[in-house]
Protein backbone atom coordinates (compact mmCIF):
# COMPACT_ATOMS: atom_id res chain seq x y z
CA MET A 1 73.97 100.66 115.16
CA ALA A 2 75.43 102.61 118.03
CA ASN A 3 75.61 105.85 116.62
CA TYR A 4 73.04 108.00 114.34
CA LEU A 5 73.50 110.88 112.41
CA GLU A 6 70.66 113.48 113.20
CA PHE A 7 68.74 112.88 109.90
CA GLU A 8 69.11 109.26 111.18
CA LYS A 9 66.80 109.88 113.82
CA PRO A 10 63.17 108.52 112.83
CA LEU A 11 65.09 105.51 111.71
CA ALA A 12 66.98 104.89 115.25
CA GLU A 13 63.43 104.89 116.89
CA ILE A 14 62.46 102.27 114.96
CA GLU A 15 65.09 100.19 115.09
CA SER A 16 65.04 100.64 118.56
CA LYS A 17 61.43 100.09 118.98
CA ALA A 18 62.27 96.83 116.61
CA GLU A 19 64.72 95.65 119.20
CA GLU A 20 62.58 96.38 122.62
CA LEU A 21 60.43 93.58 120.77
CA ARG A 22 63.08 91.08 120.48
CA ALA A 23 64.39 91.85 124.32
CA MET A 24 60.13 90.76 125.50
CA ALA A 25 60.50 87.48 123.22
CA ARG A 26 63.65 86.47 124.83
CA ALA A 27 62.27 87.87 128.38
CA SER A 28 59.25 85.88 127.76
CA GLU A 29 58.74 82.74 125.62
CA GLU A 30 55.38 83.06 125.65
CA MET A 31 54.99 86.33 124.33
CA ASP A 32 55.00 86.05 119.69
CA ILE A 33 56.19 89.01 118.29
CA GLU A 34 58.03 88.16 115.02
CA ASP A 35 55.78 89.54 112.85
CA GLU A 36 55.64 92.61 114.23
CA ALA A 37 59.38 92.84 114.69
CA THR A 38 59.49 91.77 111.10
CA ALA A 39 57.19 94.41 109.90
CA LEU A 40 59.09 96.88 111.83
CA ASP A 41 62.46 96.07 109.86
CA LYS A 42 60.92 96.06 106.71
CA LYS A 43 59.74 99.57 107.87
CA ALA A 44 63.02 100.43 108.31
CA ALA A 45 64.41 99.15 105.70
CA ASP A 46 62.06 101.39 103.55
CA MET A 47 63.23 104.25 105.50
CA LEU A 48 67.06 103.60 105.31
CA ALA A 49 66.45 103.22 101.38
CA GLU A 50 65.04 106.62 101.01
CA LEU A 51 67.18 108.31 103.55
CA TYR A 52 70.11 107.32 101.47
CA LYS A 53 68.63 107.91 98.36
CA ASP A 54 69.25 110.87 97.44
CA LEU A 55 71.61 112.50 100.10
CA THR A 56 72.26 116.43 99.80
CA PRO A 57 75.89 117.15 99.87
CA TRP A 58 75.67 117.93 104.44
CA ARG A 59 75.01 115.33 104.63
CA LYS A 60 77.07 112.64 103.35
CA CYS A 61 79.50 115.08 105.03
CA GLN A 62 78.05 113.91 108.35
CA VAL A 63 78.17 110.05 106.25
CA ALA A 64 82.00 110.74 105.74
CA ARG A 65 82.93 111.57 109.70
CA HIS A 66 80.73 108.53 110.84
CA PRO A 67 82.63 107.09 113.70
CA ASP A 68 81.90 104.03 112.35
CA ARG A 69 83.09 103.89 108.90
CA PRO A 70 85.79 101.35 108.71
CA HIS A 71 88.96 103.20 109.04
CA CYS A 72 92.31 102.73 107.18
CA LYS A 73 94.01 100.32 109.63
CA ASP A 74 90.58 98.29 109.36
CA TYR A 75 91.23 98.22 104.89
CA ILE A 76 94.62 97.59 105.76
CA GLU A 77 93.84 94.94 107.76
CA ALA A 78 91.62 93.26 105.78
CA LEU A 79 92.89 93.72 102.04
CA PHE A 80 97.09 93.09 102.32
CA ASN A 81 98.44 90.34 103.65
CA GLU A 82 102.35 90.34 104.75
CA TYR A 83 101.85 93.98 105.82
CA THR A 84 105.13 95.37 107.68
CA PRO A 85 104.71 98.70 108.99
CA LEU A 86 107.74 101.11 108.63
CA ALA A 87 107.68 103.73 110.76
CA GLY A 88 109.41 107.39 111.13
CA ASP A 89 110.88 110.30 108.71
CA ARG A 90 114.12 109.42 109.61
CA ASN A 91 114.45 112.90 110.29
CA PHE A 92 112.76 114.23 113.05
CA ALA A 93 109.95 111.56 114.14
CA ASP A 94 107.75 109.19 113.52
CA ASP A 95 103.84 110.82 113.01
CA HIS A 96 101.01 107.54 114.37
CA ALA A 97 98.32 109.57 112.25
CA VAL A 98 100.38 108.23 109.33
CA MET A 99 100.59 104.32 108.64
CA GLY A 100 102.50 102.30 105.33
CA GLY A 101 104.19 99.92 104.70
CA LEU A 102 105.37 96.74 102.43
CA ALA A 103 102.30 94.74 101.95
CA ARG A 104 100.15 92.62 98.69
CA LEU A 105 97.31 93.20 97.28
CA GLY A 106 96.05 89.72 96.70
CA ASP A 107 99.14 88.37 95.10
CA THR A 108 100.56 92.22 93.85
CA PRO A 109 103.31 93.54 96.12
CA VAL A 110 102.68 97.00 96.91
CA VAL A 111 103.66 99.66 99.19
CA VAL A 112 100.17 101.04 101.41
CA ILE A 113 100.45 104.24 102.75
CA GLY A 114 97.07 105.65 104.81
CA LEU A 115 95.76 107.80 107.79
CA GLU A 116 93.96 106.73 110.07
CA LYS A 117 91.79 109.12 112.46
CA GLY A 118 91.53 105.74 115.72
CA HIS A 119 88.50 104.48 116.84
CA ASP A 120 88.58 105.54 120.44
CA THR A 121 89.42 108.20 122.02
CA LYS A 122 93.15 106.98 123.23
CA SER A 123 93.32 105.96 119.83
CA ARG A 124 91.95 109.26 118.28
CA ILE A 125 94.58 111.37 120.37
CA GLU A 126 97.35 108.71 120.07
CA ARG A 127 96.21 109.51 115.40
CA ASN A 128 95.37 112.86 116.36
CA PHE A 129 92.49 112.52 114.88
CA GLY A 130 94.04 111.78 111.28
CA MET A 131 96.10 115.03 110.67
CA ALA A 132 99.57 114.77 109.79
CA ARG A 133 102.25 116.83 111.24
CA PRO A 134 104.92 117.32 108.62
CA GLU A 135 106.98 114.57 109.99
CA GLY A 136 104.13 112.38 108.59
CA TYR A 137 104.09 113.77 105.12
CA ARG A 138 108.20 113.09 105.19
CA LYS A 139 107.55 109.60 105.92
CA ALA A 140 104.68 109.50 103.38
CA ILE A 141 107.89 110.81 100.68
CA ARG A 142 109.82 108.51 101.91
CA LEU A 143 108.25 105.02 101.58
CA MET A 144 106.61 106.58 97.70
CA GLU A 145 110.91 106.51 97.55
CA LEU A 146 111.57 103.44 98.42
CA ALA A 147 108.30 101.93 95.73
CA ASP A 148 109.79 104.06 93.43
CA LYS A 149 113.16 102.27 93.98
CA PHE A 150 111.53 98.60 94.01
CA GLY A 151 108.79 99.44 90.99
CA LEU A 152 106.28 99.00 93.83
CA PRO A 153 102.96 100.19 92.66
CA ILE A 154 101.64 102.40 96.21
CA ILE A 155 98.03 103.05 96.91
CA THR A 156 96.95 105.22 100.04
CA LEU A 157 94.18 105.61 101.99
CA VAL A 158 93.02 108.65 102.65
CA ASP A 159 90.94 110.09 105.53
CA THR A 160 91.68 113.65 107.02
CA PRO A 161 89.97 116.79 107.64
CA GLY A 162 93.24 118.40 106.56
CA ALA A 163 97.14 118.35 107.88
CA TYR A 164 97.41 119.52 111.38
CA PRO A 165 97.54 123.13 111.82
CA GLY A 166 99.43 123.59 115.43
CA LYS A 167 102.14 125.99 115.80
CA GLY A 168 105.01 123.44 115.93
CA ALA A 169 103.85 121.51 112.88
CA GLU A 170 104.77 125.04 111.45
CA GLU A 171 107.42 125.19 113.05
CA ARG A 172 108.82 122.53 111.05
CA GLY A 173 107.95 123.26 107.38
CA GLN A 174 104.27 121.53 107.31
CA SER A 175 103.81 123.34 103.66
CA GLU A 176 106.41 122.20 102.69
CA ALA A 177 106.15 118.63 103.82
CA ILE A 178 102.49 118.64 102.60
CA ALA A 179 104.08 120.64 99.25
CA ARG A 180 107.23 117.82 98.49
CA SER A 181 104.99 114.74 98.89
CA THR A 182 102.61 116.15 97.05
CA GLU A 183 105.21 116.86 93.96
CA LYS A 184 106.65 113.21 95.24
CA CYS A 185 103.21 111.82 94.17
CA LEU A 186 103.80 113.18 90.47
CA GLN A 187 107.26 112.04 90.31
CA VAL A 188 107.41 108.53 90.74
CA LYS A 189 106.90 105.89 87.80
CA VAL A 190 105.12 102.99 89.06
CA PRO A 191 100.81 103.20 89.71
CA LEU A 192 99.66 104.97 92.34
CA VAL A 193 95.83 104.86 93.27
CA SER A 194 94.18 106.51 96.12
CA VAL A 195 91.13 105.67 97.74
CA ILE A 196 89.07 108.83 99.21
CA ILE A 197 87.31 106.02 102.71
CA GLY A 198 85.92 108.81 104.65
CA GLU A 199 86.70 113.12 104.86
CA GLY A 200 89.59 113.84 102.20
CA GLY A 201 90.38 117.51 103.76
CA SER A 202 92.02 120.53 102.11
CA GLY A 203 96.68 120.02 101.20
CA GLY A 204 96.83 117.16 103.71
CA ALA A 205 94.49 115.28 101.50
CA VAL A 206 95.46 116.37 98.18
CA ALA A 207 99.52 115.21 99.75
CA PHE A 208 98.38 111.30 99.27
CA ALA A 209 95.98 112.07 96.61
CA THR A 210 98.12 113.41 93.67
CA ALA A 211 97.65 110.13 92.46
CA ASN A 212 97.00 108.21 88.46
CA ARG A 213 93.48 107.02 90.09
CA LEU A 214 92.01 108.92 92.35
CA LEU A 215 88.51 106.29 93.89
CA MET A 216 86.70 107.70 96.10
CA LEU A 217 83.86 106.00 98.13
CA GLU A 218 79.65 105.91 97.23
CA HIS A 219 79.55 108.82 99.98
CA SER A 220 83.25 110.48 100.44
CA VAL A 221 83.55 114.05 100.29
CA TYR A 222 87.42 115.01 99.03
CA SER A 223 87.74 119.30 99.24
CA VAL A 224 90.34 122.09 99.84
CA ILE A 225 88.30 122.63 102.70
CA SER A 226 85.92 121.88 104.91
CA PRO A 227 82.26 123.39 105.14
CA GLU A 228 82.67 125.38 107.91
CA GLY A 229 85.48 126.71 106.81
CA CYS A 230 84.13 128.05 104.15
CA ALA A 231 81.58 129.12 105.14
CA SER A 232 83.29 131.06 108.28
CA ILE A 233 85.30 132.36 105.67
CA LEU A 234 82.97 133.82 103.04
CA TRP A 235 79.67 134.43 105.58
CA LYS A 236 81.68 134.57 108.05
CA ASP A 237 79.13 132.34 109.86
CA ALA A 238 80.28 128.64 110.58
CA GLU A 239 76.25 127.78 110.76
CA LYS A 240 76.40 128.22 106.85
CA MET A 241 78.45 124.72 106.03
CA ARG A 242 75.30 123.53 104.58
CA GLU A 243 74.75 126.43 101.64
CA ALA A 244 79.61 126.02 101.63
CA ALA A 245 79.01 122.40 101.44
CA GLU A 246 76.31 122.92 98.37
CA ALA A 247 79.50 125.48 96.48
CA LEU A 248 82.07 123.12 97.73
CA ARG A 249 81.06 120.17 94.56
CA LEU A 250 82.98 117.86 96.95
CA THR A 251 80.89 114.59 96.70
CA ALA A 252 81.94 111.62 95.04
CA GLN A 253 79.20 112.41 91.91
CA ASP A 254 80.37 116.03 91.56
CA LEU A 255 84.30 115.44 91.71
CA LYS A 256 83.18 112.21 88.78
CA GLN A 257 80.95 114.98 86.30
CA LEU A 258 84.41 116.99 87.37
CA GLY A 259 86.97 114.51 86.37
CA VAL A 260 88.57 115.27 89.57
CA ALA A 261 87.54 111.12 90.90
CA ASP A 262 87.64 108.22 88.94
CA VAL A 263 86.30 105.75 90.33
CA ILE A 264 83.23 105.87 92.92
CA VAL A 265 82.45 102.66 94.48
CA LYS A 266 79.56 101.61 95.85
CA GLU A 267 79.08 101.20 99.49
CA PRO A 268 75.91 99.11 101.40
CA ALA A 269 73.12 100.17 101.87
CA GLY A 270 72.90 103.00 104.90
CA GLY A 271 76.43 103.79 104.23
CA ALA A 272 80.02 101.79 104.64
CA GLN A 273 79.58 102.29 108.65
CA ARG A 274 76.80 99.87 108.41
CA ASN A 275 78.14 97.09 106.45
CA LYS A 276 82.24 97.55 107.20
CA GLN A 277 83.01 94.07 105.30
CA ALA A 278 80.69 94.37 102.57
CA ALA A 279 82.38 98.02 101.65
CA ILE A 280 86.43 96.80 102.40
CA ALA A 281 85.55 94.06 99.94
CA ASN A 282 84.00 96.82 97.52
CA VAL A 283 86.73 98.62 97.87
CA GLY A 284 89.23 95.71 97.39
CA LYS A 285 87.37 94.85 93.83
CA ALA A 286 88.63 98.52 92.43
CA LEU A 287 92.03 98.69 93.85
CA GLU A 288 92.71 95.03 92.08
CA ALA A 289 90.76 96.00 88.96
CA THR A 290 92.10 99.65 88.80
CA LEU A 291 95.80 98.26 89.43
CA LYS A 292 95.53 95.65 86.45
CA GLN A 293 94.85 98.67 83.79
CA LEU A 294 97.56 100.27 85.28
CA SER A 295 100.10 97.35 85.17
CA LYS A 296 100.21 97.56 81.11
CA LYS A 297 101.81 101.29 81.78
CA LYS A 298 105.14 102.38 80.64
CA PRO A 299 106.79 103.55 84.22
CA ALA A 300 106.69 107.09 81.38
CA ALA A 301 103.34 107.07 80.31
CA LEU A 302 102.67 106.47 84.07
CA VAL A 303 104.39 109.86 85.01
CA LYS A 304 102.77 111.82 81.75
CA ASP A 305 99.54 110.28 82.82
CA ARG A 306 99.31 111.73 86.02
CA ARG A 307 100.21 115.24 85.00
CA ASP A 308 98.04 115.05 82.37
CA LYS A 309 95.49 114.12 85.08
CA PHE A 310 96.00 116.99 87.13
CA LEU A 311 96.44 119.36 84.15
CA SER A 312 93.36 119.11 82.44
CA ILE A 313 91.33 119.08 86.16
CA GLY A 314 88.82 121.71 85.63
CA SER A 315 87.87 121.14 81.69
CA LYS A 316 84.91 118.66 82.66
CA GLY A 317 81.47 119.51 83.65
CA LEU A 318 82.52 123.42 84.07
CA ALA A 319 78.42 123.89 82.50
CA ALA A 320 77.19 120.93 85.01
């Protein structure tokens, strides 16, 4: 794996040594180092399991932000058939941070909407690092209305540090667009399932994730503010982000206990970035099971279910 996180440096040394031995063996047929390389592989696997056995909230933030994690585009390409992208908010522009359209999950026609961060410098700039502008939220509203009109379940894939805070976004009504997108999530009469696939930051994530069921990957995070932003406000020191991450209760495990998240989707050993195909497959299975469960509910029951869920948040796990 090309990108190692700070706490993975000891693991990087072992894996690089194993690769060096194999490179030497490839260069010289007389060398037989497979036993040594295999021993290093086992040591690395044991260390990986130990590192990820009990991650701190801050380390989970680092994993959730890992550049090699599968992004929205990867999930759409792997899980959905007949994906037809729909562009623009019919008002100002097309926001490339938000992608969405008509698709099929297995045999089920759906509308899928997601926040895409990009995978290299060019695509990250094009996608604005997954930070949506007002036109992105208005595009999401348009797609949700389309889904509601034709009775199609909605799936949202969330991976964003938050809404774009630029001057132009504020001038075009960023807060109003976020509020209306959140409102639309509460109003639609079709099943709405959201998956936090990486980072769910601030109201920019809430506007996509006010769903009947919220699924979170095992090492994803979801919070009202980033740990760095929280530390800057409370302690006047962004370096206190570790303490802030603890206080925010932003992990999937904490949020499941508090009643915010409904399902935790297991990630492969070492996080989704180490085995993208397995992580995506796990999300696909969880989505199919959740949609099957929600398909039995009538429109009025879906709306009530969603409203009751959000009105009850905070009443669970408060003693923890």
